[in-house]
Amino acid sequence: MSEMTFDRMIQQMTPSIYASLKQAVSLRKWPDGRMLTAEQTELCLEAVMRYEAENRVPEEERVGYLERRTCGSASSGADVPPELAGLGRDVGRD
């Protein structure tokens, strides 16, 4: 697929097509159940990422987004409940 054709496809992609491609990448299969090939997965993922960038999809809704919890030097973890931080009560010690 030529770059110009790919660019045009991204520009004409509807939110519905974007959602379908995003789901196909996530499940590694088309809506009809056929499995995506490695090349199809790569192209769909690139299309999804380009669509997200060009349409300013919020970061937390983008494919591959990981919410930061307590990792990293800038995070204190003060707002994380104990059970999510691994500090929940030990049920084996009752």
N, C-alpha and C. Protein backbone atom coordinates (compact mmCIF):
# COMPACT_ATOMS: atom_id res chain seq x y z
N MET A 1 0.85 -1.17 0.00
CA MET A 1 0.00 0.00 0.00
C MET A 1 0.90 1.23 0.00
N SER A 2 0.67 2.13 -0.92
CA SER A 2 1.51 3.32 -1.00
C SER A 2 1.20 4.25 0.17
N GLU A 3 2.19 5.06 0.53
CA GLU A 3 2.03 5.98 1.66
C GLU A 3 0.90 6.98 1.41
N MET A 4 0.76 7.46 0.18
CA MET A 4 -0.29 8.42 -0.13
C MET A 4 -1.66 7.78 0.08
N THR A 5 -1.84 6.54 -0.34
CA THR A 5 -3.11 5.84 -0.17
C THR A 5 -3.40 5.62 1.31
N PHE A 6 -2.38 5.24 2.07
CA PHE A 6 -2.53 5.02 3.51
C PHE A 6 -2.93 6.32 4.20
N ASP A 7 -2.27 7.42 3.86
CA ASP A 7 -2.61 8.73 4.44
C ASP A 7 -4.06 9.10 4.13
N ARG A 8 -4.47 8.89 2.90
CA ARG A 8 -5.84 9.21 2.50
C ARG A 8 -6.83 8.35 3.28
N MET A 9 -6.50 7.09 3.48
CA MET A 9 -7.37 6.20 4.24
C MET A 9 -7.54 6.69 5.68
N ILE A 10 -6.46 7.13 6.30
CA ILE A 10 -6.51 7.63 7.67
C ILE A 10 -7.39 8.89 7.73
N GLN A 11 -7.24 9.77 6.78
CA GLN A 11 -8.02 11.01 6.75
C GLN A 11 -9.51 10.74 6.56
N GLN A 12 -9.85 9.67 5.86
CA GLN A 12 -11.26 9.37 5.59
C GLN A 12 -11.86 8.37 6.57
N MET A 13 -11.06 7.91 7.53
CA MET A 13 -11.53 6.91 8.48
C MET A 13 -12.60 7.51 9.41
N THR A 14 -13.69 6.79 9.58
CA THR A 14 -14.77 7.23 10.48
C THR A 14 -14.50 6.69 11.88
N PRO A 15 -15.13 7.27 12.89
CA PRO A 15 -14.99 6.73 14.24
C PRO A 15 -15.42 5.26 14.33
N SER A 16 -16.41 4.87 13.55
CA SER A 16 -16.88 3.49 13.54
C SER A 16 -15.80 2.54 13.00
N ILE A 17 -15.16 2.93 11.92
CA ILE A 17 -14.08 2.11 11.35
C ILE A 17 -12.91 2.05 12.32
N TYR A 18 -12.57 3.18 12.93
CA TYR A 18 -11.50 3.22 13.93
C TYR A 18 -11.79 2.22 15.05
N ALA A 19 -13.02 2.24 15.58
CA ALA A 19 -13.38 1.34 16.68
C ALA A 19 -13.28 -0.12 16.24
N SER A 20 -13.70 -0.41 15.02
CA SER A 20 -13.63 -1.77 14.51
C SER A 20 -12.18 -2.24 14.36
N LEU A 21 -11.32 -1.38 13.84
CA LEU A 21 -9.89 -1.73 13.70
C LEU A 21 -9.23 -1.90 15.06
N LYS A 22 -9.58 -1.04 16.00
CA LYS A 22 -9.02 -1.13 17.34
C LYS A 22 -9.41 -2.45 18.01
N GLN A 23 -10.67 -2.84 17.83
CA GLN A 23 -11.13 -4.11 18.38
C GLN A 23 -10.44 -5.28 17.67
N ALA A 24 -10.28 -5.19 16.36
CA ALA A 24 -9.61 -6.26 15.61
C ALA A 24 -8.18 -6.45 16.10
N VAL A 25 -7.47 -5.37 16.35
CA VAL A 25 -6.10 -5.46 16.85
C VAL A 25 -6.09 -6.08 18.25
N SER A 26 -7.02 -5.64 19.08
CA SER A 26 -7.09 -6.13 20.45
C SER A 26 -7.36 -7.64 20.50
N LEU A 27 -8.31 -8.10 19.68
CA LEU A 27 -8.69 -9.51 19.69
C LEU A 27 -7.88 -10.36 18.72
N ARG A 28 -7.13 -9.71 17.83
CA ARG A 28 -6.35 -10.37 16.78
C ARG A 28 -7.25 -11.13 15.81
N LYS A 29 -8.50 -10.64 15.67
CA LYS A 29 -9.39 -11.25 14.68
C LYS A 29 -10.38 -10.22 14.18
N TRP A 30 -10.90 -10.46 12.97
CA TRP A 30 -11.88 -9.60 12.35
C TRP A 30 -13.24 -9.83 13.01
N PRO A 31 -14.17 -8.91 12.84
CA PRO A 31 -15.51 -9.10 13.43
C PRO A 31 -16.19 -10.40 13.02
N ASP A 32 -15.85 -10.93 11.84
CA ASP A 32 -16.46 -12.20 11.39
C ASP A 32 -15.74 -13.43 11.95
N GLY A 33 -14.72 -13.21 12.79
CA GLY A 33 -14.03 -14.32 13.45
C GLY A 33 -12.74 -14.78 12.80
N ARG A 34 -12.47 -14.33 11.56
CA ARG A 34 -11.21 -14.72 10.91
C ARG A 34 -10.03 -14.06 11.63
N MET A 35 -8.96 -14.81 11.80
CA MET A 35 -7.76 -14.31 12.47
C MET A 35 -7.01 -13.32 11.57
N LEU A 36 -6.45 -12.28 12.18
CA LEU A 36 -5.61 -11.34 11.45
C LEU A 36 -4.24 -11.96 11.23
N THR A 37 -3.66 -11.72 10.07
CA THR A 37 -2.28 -12.14 9.84
C THR A 37 -1.37 -11.14 10.57
N ALA A 38 -0.12 -11.46 10.68
CA ALA A 38 0.84 -10.55 11.32
C ALA A 38 0.88 -9.22 10.56
N GLU A 39 0.85 -9.28 9.24
CA GLU A 39 0.89 -8.05 8.44
C GLU A 39 -0.39 -7.22 8.64
N GLN A 40 -1.53 -7.88 8.69
CA GLN A 40 -2.79 -7.17 8.92
C GLN A 40 -2.80 -6.51 10.30
N THR A 41 -2.31 -7.22 11.30
CA THR A 41 -2.25 -6.67 12.65
C THR A 41 -1.37 -5.43 12.67
N GLU A 42 -0.22 -5.51 12.02
CA GLU A 42 0.71 -4.38 11.98
C GLU A 42 0.09 -3.17 11.27
N LEU A 43 -0.55 -3.40 10.13
CA LEU A 43 -1.17 -2.30 9.39
C LEU A 43 -2.35 -1.70 10.15
N CYS A 44 -3.16 -2.54 10.75
CA CYS A 44 -4.31 -2.04 11.53
C CYS A 44 -3.83 -1.23 12.73
N LEU A 45 -2.82 -1.73 13.41
CA LEU A 45 -2.29 -1.01 14.56
C LEU A 45 -1.72 0.34 14.15
N GLU A 46 -0.99 0.37 13.05
CA GLU A 46 -0.47 1.65 12.56
C GLU A 46 -1.61 2.60 12.21
N ALA A 47 -2.65 2.09 11.57
CA ALA A 47 -3.80 2.93 11.21
C ALA A 47 -4.48 3.47 12.46
N VAL A 48 -4.66 2.64 13.46
CA VAL A 48 -5.30 3.07 14.71
C VAL A 48 -4.46 4.15 15.38
N MET A 49 -3.16 3.93 15.47
CA MET A 49 -2.28 4.91 16.12
C MET A 49 -2.25 6.24 15.36
N ARG A 50 -2.21 6.18 14.04
CA ARG A 50 -2.22 7.40 13.23
C ARG A 50 -3.54 8.14 13.37
N TYR A 51 -4.65 7.40 13.38
CA TYR A 51 -5.97 8.01 13.56
C TYR A 51 -6.02 8.73 14.91
N GLU A 52 -5.54 8.06 15.95
CA GLU A 52 -5.56 8.65 17.29
C GLU A 52 -4.75 9.94 17.34
N ALA A 53 -3.59 9.92 16.72
CA ALA A 53 -2.74 11.11 16.73
C ALA A 53 -3.36 12.25 15.93
N GLU A 54 -3.89 11.94 14.76
CA GLU A 54 -4.43 12.99 13.90
C GLU A 54 -5.78 13.52 14.37
N ASN A 55 -6.50 12.74 15.16
CA ASN A 55 -7.81 13.16 15.65
C ASN A 55 -7.80 13.53 17.12
N ARG A 56 -6.60 13.67 17.65
CA ARG A 56 -6.41 14.09 19.04
C ARG A 56 -7.25 13.29 20.03
N VAL A 57 -7.21 11.97 19.88
CA VAL A 57 -7.89 11.09 20.83
C VAL A 57 -7.18 11.26 22.18
N PRO A 58 -7.94 11.44 23.27
CA PRO A 58 -7.30 11.62 24.58
C PRO A 58 -6.34 10.47 24.90
N GLU A 59 -5.25 10.81 25.51
CA GLU A 59 -4.19 9.84 25.80
C GLU A 59 -4.71 8.59 26.49
N GLU A 60 -5.60 8.77 27.47
CA GLU A 60 -6.10 7.62 28.24
C GLU A 60 -7.02 6.71 27.43
N GLU A 61 -7.44 7.13 26.24
CA GLU A 61 -8.28 6.31 25.37
C GLU A 61 -7.50 5.67 24.23
N ARG A 62 -6.22 5.96 24.14
CA ARG A 62 -5.40 5.44 23.04
C ARG A 62 -4.99 4.00 23.27
N VAL A 63 -4.76 3.32 22.16
CA VAL A 63 -4.29 1.94 22.23
C VAL A 63 -2.93 1.92 22.94
N GLY A 64 -2.76 0.95 23.83
CA GLY A 64 -1.49 0.82 24.54
C GLY A 64 -1.33 1.71 25.75
N TYR A 65 -2.34 2.52 26.09
CA TYR A 65 -2.22 3.43 27.22
C TYR A 65 -2.13 2.64 28.52
N LEU A 66 -1.19 3.01 29.37
CA LEU A 66 -1.05 2.42 30.69
C LEU A 66 -1.11 3.54 31.71
N GLU A 67 -2.05 3.42 32.64
CA GLU A 67 -2.18 4.42 33.68
C GLU A 67 -1.04 4.26 34.68
N ARG A 68 -0.44 5.36 35.04
CA ARG A 68 0.63 5.31 36.04
C ARG A 68 0.01 5.18 37.41
N ARG A 69 0.54 4.31 38.20
CA ARG A 69 0.06 4.12 39.57
C ARG A 69 1.12 4.63 40.54
N THR A 70 1.91 3.73 41.07
CA THR A 70 2.90 4.12 42.06
C THR A 70 4.32 4.00 41.54
N CYS A 71 4.49 3.67 40.28
CA CYS A 71 5.83 3.53 39.71
C CYS A 71 6.37 4.89 39.30
N GLY A 72 7.66 5.04 39.35
CA GLY A 72 8.28 6.28 38.90
C GLY A 72 8.65 7.18 40.06
N SER A 73 9.63 8.00 39.83
CA SER A 73 10.14 8.86 40.89
C SER A 73 9.21 10.02 41.22
N ALA A 74 8.31 10.40 40.29
CA ALA A 74 7.44 11.55 40.52
C ALA A 74 6.16 11.16 41.26
N SER A 75 5.93 9.89 41.48
CA SER A 75 4.68 9.45 42.10
C SER A 75 4.90 9.09 43.56
N SER A 76 4.09 9.67 44.43
CA SER A 76 4.21 9.37 45.86
C SER A 76 3.41 8.14 46.24
N GLY A 77 2.32 7.86 45.50
CA GLY A 77 1.47 6.73 45.83
C GLY A 77 0.52 7.03 46.97
N ALA A 78 0.48 8.29 47.42
CA ALA A 78 -0.35 8.66 48.56
C ALA A 78 -1.84 8.46 48.31
N ASP A 79 -2.27 8.56 47.05
CA ASP A 79 -3.69 8.43 46.76
C ASP A 79 -4.10 7.02 46.36
N VAL A 80 -3.22 6.03 46.49
CA VAL A 80 -3.51 4.65 46.12
C VAL A 80 -4.00 3.89 47.34
N PRO A 81 -5.19 3.25 47.25
CA PRO A 81 -5.69 2.48 48.39
C PRO A 81 -4.73 1.34 48.73
N PRO A 82 -4.64 0.96 50.01
CA PRO A 82 -3.71 -0.09 50.43
C PRO A 82 -3.86 -1.40 49.67
N GLU A 83 -5.12 -1.79 49.36
CA GLU A 83 -5.30 -3.06 48.65
C GLU A 83 -4.74 -3.04 47.24
N LEU A 84 -4.68 -1.86 46.60
CA LEU A 84 -4.08 -1.75 45.27
C LEU A 84 -2.56 -1.64 45.36
N ALA A 85 -2.07 -1.18 46.46
CA ALA A 85 -0.63 -1.03 46.64
C ALA A 85 0.01 -2.31 47.16
N GLY A 86 -0.80 -3.36 47.34
CA GLY A 86 -0.26 -4.62 47.84
C GLY A 86 -0.14 -4.64 49.35
N LEU A 87 -0.83 -3.74 50.03
CA LEU A 87 -0.73 -3.66 51.47
C LEU A 87 -2.03 -4.08 52.16
N GLY A 88 -2.85 -4.83 51.43
CA GLY A 88 -4.12 -5.30 52.01
C GLY A 88 -3.87 -6.25 53.16
N ARG A 89 -4.89 -6.51 53.92
CA ARG A 89 -4.71 -7.37 55.09
C ARG A 89 -4.42 -8.79 54.64
N ASP A 90 -3.59 -9.47 55.35
CA ASP A 90 -3.20 -10.83 55.05
C ASP A 90 -4.24 -11.77 55.61
N VAL A 91 -5.07 -12.38 54.76
CA VAL A 91 -6.15 -13.24 55.21
C VAL A 91 -5.63 -14.52 55.86
N GLY A 92 -4.41 -14.88 55.60
CA GLY A 92 -3.85 -16.08 56.18
C GLY A 92 -3.42 -15.89 57.62
N ARG A 93 -3.46 -14.68 58.13
CA ARG A 93 -2.98 -14.42 59.49
C ARG A 93 -4.13 -14.23 60.48
N ASP A 94 -5.37 -14.54 60.10
CA ASP A 94 -6.50 -14.36 61.01
C ASP A 94 -6.58 -15.43 62.05
